[in-house]
Amino acid sequence: MDKINVSLLLICCLFGVVYGYETNSEPNGEKVLANSWCISNIQASQDSLLGFINYGCGVVDCSAIQPGGQCYDPNTITSHANYVLNLIYVKNRTCDWHVGMVVQIDPSYGNCKYP
């Protein structure tokens, strides 16, 4: 009986280590998915997205979405918000669920590469 309990304990510990490694769980309980990006939620209003851009550009470097930047075009609020949301996601490891959502498809395009 002791061999079964020890074996079960070892299997549970191994599963916990593998599961924790694959999901990259944060101490606060949020899961940060490997190879994931934060982009605009399709239900977010343009005003909310613009407000997030204004906030985010005070926290991260938004030069890529400025005229001449590699992510300036298309020059839309949604496109620029996507880039800023992801920069904040990379920096803080959280996606603002009021305006953003996590995806596992790289939103990079052309010369615009999302970190």
C-alpha atoms as a PDB file:
ATOM      1  CA  MET A   1       0.000   0.000   0.000  1.00  0.00           C
ATOM      2  CA  ASP A   2       2.877   2.395   0.779  1.00  0.00           C
ATOM      3  CA  LYS A   3       4.332   1.863  -2.707  1.00  0.00           C
ATOM      4  CA  ILE A   4       1.024   2.909  -4.269  1.00  0.00           C
ATOM      5  CA  ASN A   5       0.811   6.068  -2.135  1.00  0.00           C
ATOM      6  CA  VAL A   6       4.402   7.062  -2.944  1.00  0.00           C
ATOM      7  CA  SER A   7       3.864   6.386  -6.651  1.00  0.00           C
ATOM      8  CA  LEU A   8       0.664   8.406  -6.650  1.00  0.00           C
ATOM      9  CA  LEU A   9       2.402  11.269  -4.856  1.00  0.00           C
ATOM     10  CA  LEU A  10       5.255  11.275  -7.376  1.00  0.00           C
ATOM     11  CA  ILE A  11       2.836  11.254 -10.310  1.00  0.00           C
ATOM     12  CA  CYS A  12       0.866  14.157  -8.812  1.00  0.00           C
ATOM     13  CA  CYS A  13       4.041  16.172  -8.206  1.00  0.00           C
ATOM     14  CA  LEU A  14       5.261  15.552 -11.746  1.00  0.00           C
ATOM     15  CA  PHE A  15       1.892  16.563 -13.189  1.00  0.00           C
ATOM     16  CA  GLY A  16       1.917  19.755 -11.106  1.00  0.00           C
ATOM     17  CA  VAL A  17       5.391  20.722 -12.313  1.00  0.00           C
ATOM     18  CA  VAL A  18       4.572  20.039 -15.968  1.00  0.00           C
ATOM     19  CA  TYR A  19       1.204  21.821 -15.778  1.00  0.00           C
ATOM     20  CA  GLY A  20       2.714  24.847 -14.022  1.00  0.00           C
ATOM     21  CA  TYR A  21       5.512  25.058 -16.581  1.00  0.00           C
ATOM     22  CA  GLU A  22       3.196  24.857 -19.600  1.00  0.00           C
ATOM     23  CA  THR A  23       0.706  27.462 -18.387  1.00  0.00           C
ATOM     24  CA  ASN A  24       3.302  29.819 -16.908  1.00  0.00           C
ATOM     25  CA  SER A  25       1.024  30.601 -13.947  1.00  0.00           C
ATOM     26  CA  GLU A  26       1.646  33.910 -12.270  1.00  0.00           C
ATOM     27  CA  PRO A  27       1.666  34.313  -8.476  1.00  0.00           C
ATOM     28  CA  ASN A  28      -1.600  36.285  -8.603  1.00  0.00           C
ATOM     29  CA  GLY A  29      -3.364  33.319 -10.194  1.00  0.00           C
ATOM     30  CA  GLU A  30      -3.626  34.705 -13.732  1.00  0.00           C
ATOM     31  CA  LYS A  31      -2.494  32.413 -16.493  1.00  0.00           C
ATOM     32  CA  VAL A  32      -0.187  33.989 -19.021  1.00  0.00           C
ATOM     33  CA  LEU A  33      -0.277  31.870 -22.140  1.00  0.00           C
ATOM     34  CA  ALA A  34       2.944  31.189 -23.975  1.00  0.00           C
ATOM     35  CA  ASN A  35       2.968  32.756 -27.453  1.00  0.00           C
ATOM     36  CA  SER A  36       0.039  35.044 -26.729  1.00  0.00           C
ATOM     37  CA  TRP A  37      -0.767  38.662 -27.480  1.00  0.00           C
ATOM     38  CA  CYS A  38      -3.285  41.192 -26.185  1.00  0.00           C
ATOM     39  CA  ILE A  39      -5.327  43.026 -28.823  1.00  0.00           C
ATOM     40  CA  SER A  40      -8.497  45.112 -28.930  1.00  0.00           C
ATOM     41  CA  ASN A  41     -11.739  43.488 -27.919  1.00  0.00           C
ATOM     42  CA  ILE A  42     -14.162  43.855 -30.833  1.00  0.00           C
ATOM     43  CA  GLN A  43     -16.811  45.152 -28.413  1.00  0.00           C
ATOM     44  CA  ALA A  44     -14.611  47.986 -27.080  1.00  0.00           C
ATOM     45  CA  SER A  45     -15.734  51.444 -28.140  1.00  0.00           C
ATOM     46  CA  GLN A  46     -13.425  53.685 -30.141  1.00  0.00           C
ATOM     47  CA  ASP A  47     -13.474  56.189 -27.260  1.00  0.00           C
ATOM     48  CA  SER A  48     -12.350  53.487 -24.808  1.00  0.00           C
ATOM     49  CA  LEU A  49      -9.573  52.394 -27.145  1.00  0.00           C
ATOM     50  CA  LEU A  50      -8.421  55.981 -27.655  1.00  0.00           C
ATOM     51  CA  GLY A  51      -8.381  56.486 -23.894  1.00  0.00           C
ATOM     52  CA  PHE A  52      -6.251  53.353 -23.516  1.00  0.00           C
ATOM     53  CA  ILE A  53      -3.826  54.560 -26.188  1.00  0.00           C
ATOM     54  CA  ASN A  54      -3.440  57.866 -24.344  1.00  0.00           C
ATOM     55  CA  TYR A  55      -2.865  56.065 -21.040  1.00  0.00           C
ATOM     56  CA  GLY A  56      -0.586  53.392 -22.506  1.00  0.00           C
ATOM     57  CA  CYS A  57       1.648  55.802 -24.370  1.00  0.00           C
ATOM     58  CA  GLY A  58       2.403  57.442 -21.032  1.00  0.00           C
ATOM     59  CA  VAL A  59       3.678  54.083 -19.770  1.00  0.00           C
ATOM     60  CA  VAL A  60       5.368  52.437 -22.791  1.00  0.00           C
ATOM     61  CA  ASP A  61       7.251  53.593 -25.896  1.00  0.00           C
ATOM     62  CA  CYS A  62       4.695  54.265 -28.628  1.00  0.00           C
ATOM     63  CA  SER A  63       7.133  55.445 -31.297  1.00  0.00           C
ATOM     64  CA  ALA A  64       6.144  52.511 -33.538  1.00  0.00           C
ATOM     65  CA  ILE A  65       2.614  53.934 -33.970  1.00  0.00           C
ATOM     66  CA  GLN A  66       3.771  57.520 -34.579  1.00  0.00           C
ATOM     67  CA  PRO A  67       3.972  58.858 -38.178  1.00  0.00           C
ATOM     68  CA  GLY A  68       6.876  57.102 -39.866  1.00  0.00           C
ATOM     69  CA  GLY A  69       6.847  54.239 -37.330  1.00  0.00           C
ATOM     70  CA  GLN A  70       6.737  50.640 -38.508  1.00  0.00           C
ATOM     71  CA  CYS A  71       3.203  50.166 -37.071  1.00  0.00           C
ATOM     72  CA  TYR A  72       1.697  53.558 -37.974  1.00  0.00           C
ATOM     73  CA  ASP A  73      -0.248  52.169 -40.938  1.00  0.00           C
ATOM     74  CA  PRO A  74      -3.049  51.438 -40.946  1.00  0.00           C
ATOM     75  CA  ASN A  75      -3.625  54.701 -39.136  1.00  0.00           C
ATOM     76  CA  THR A  76      -6.696  53.594 -37.177  1.00  0.00           C
ATOM     77  CA  ILE A  77      -7.575  53.716 -33.511  1.00  0.00           C
ATOM     78  CA  THR A  78      -8.085  49.944 -33.402  1.00  0.00           C
ATOM     79  CA  SER A  79      -4.739  49.146 -35.017  1.00  0.00           C
ATOM     80  CA  HIS A  80      -2.846  51.518 -32.733  1.00  0.00           C
ATOM     81  CA  ALA A  81      -4.734  50.248 -29.682  1.00  0.00           C
ATOM     82  CA  ASN A  82      -3.782  46.670 -30.606  1.00  0.00           C
ATOM     83  CA  TYR A  83      -0.109  47.580 -30.540  1.00  0.00           C
ATOM     84  CA  VAL A  84      -0.309  49.539 -27.275  1.00  0.00           C
ATOM     85  CA  LEU A  85      -2.409  46.866 -25.558  1.00  0.00           C
ATOM     86  CA  ASN A  86       0.221  44.296 -26.430  1.00  0.00           C
ATOM     87  CA  LEU A  87       3.101  46.479 -25.202  1.00  0.00           C
ATOM     88  CA  ILE A  88       1.326  46.825 -21.847  1.00  0.00           C
ATOM     89  CA  TYR A  89       0.640  43.060 -21.867  1.00  0.00           C
ATOM     90  CA  VAL A  90       4.338  42.335 -22.371  1.00  0.00           C
ATOM     91  CA  LYS A  91       5.367  44.828 -19.702  1.00  0.00           C
ATOM     92  CA  ASN A  92       2.785  44.063 -16.996  1.00  0.00           C
ATOM     93  CA  ARG A  93       1.796  40.498 -17.986  1.00  0.00           C
ATOM     94  CA  THR A  94      -1.875  41.480 -17.922  1.00  0.00           C
ATOM     95  CA  CYS A  95      -4.412  42.284 -20.627  1.00  0.00           C
ATOM     96  CA  ASP A  96      -6.977  44.970 -19.763  1.00  0.00           C
ATOM     97  CA  TRP A  97     -10.205  42.999 -20.172  1.00  0.00           C
ATOM     98  CA  HIS A  98     -12.262  46.200 -20.486  1.00  0.00           C
ATOM     99  CA  VAL A  99     -10.779  46.886 -23.922  1.00  0.00           C
ATOM    100  CA  GLY A 100      -8.576  43.910 -24.764  1.00  0.00           C
ATOM    101  CA  MET A 101      -8.517  40.169 -25.210  1.00  0.00           C
ATOM    102  CA  VAL A 102      -5.744  37.577 -25.350  1.00  0.00           C
ATOM    103  CA  VAL A 103      -5.175  35.763 -28.634  1.00  0.00           C
ATOM    104  CA  GLN A 104      -2.723  33.087 -29.679  1.00  0.00           C
ATOM    105  CA  ILE A 105      -2.378  34.202 -33.294  1.00  0.00           C
ATOM    106  CA  ASP A 106       0.474  36.665 -33.846  1.00  0.00           C
ATOM    107  CA  PRO A 107      -1.064  39.996 -34.939  1.00  0.00           C
ATOM    108  CA  SER A 108       2.210  41.161 -36.547  1.00  0.00           C
ATOM    109  CA  TYR A 109       1.978  42.271 -40.175  1.00  0.00           C
ATOM    110  CA  GLY A 110       4.477  43.497 -42.764  1.00  0.00           C
ATOM    111  CA  ASN A 111       7.240  45.401 -40.976  1.00  0.00           C
ATOM    112  CA  CYS A 112       5.124  45.778 -37.833  1.00  0.00           C
ATOM    113  CA  LYS A 113       6.324  43.109 -35.424  1.00  0.00           C
ATOM    114  CA  TYR A 114       4.529  42.661 -32.110  1.00  0.00           C
ATOM    115  CA  PRO A 115       6.811  41.754 -29.197  1.00  0.00           C
END
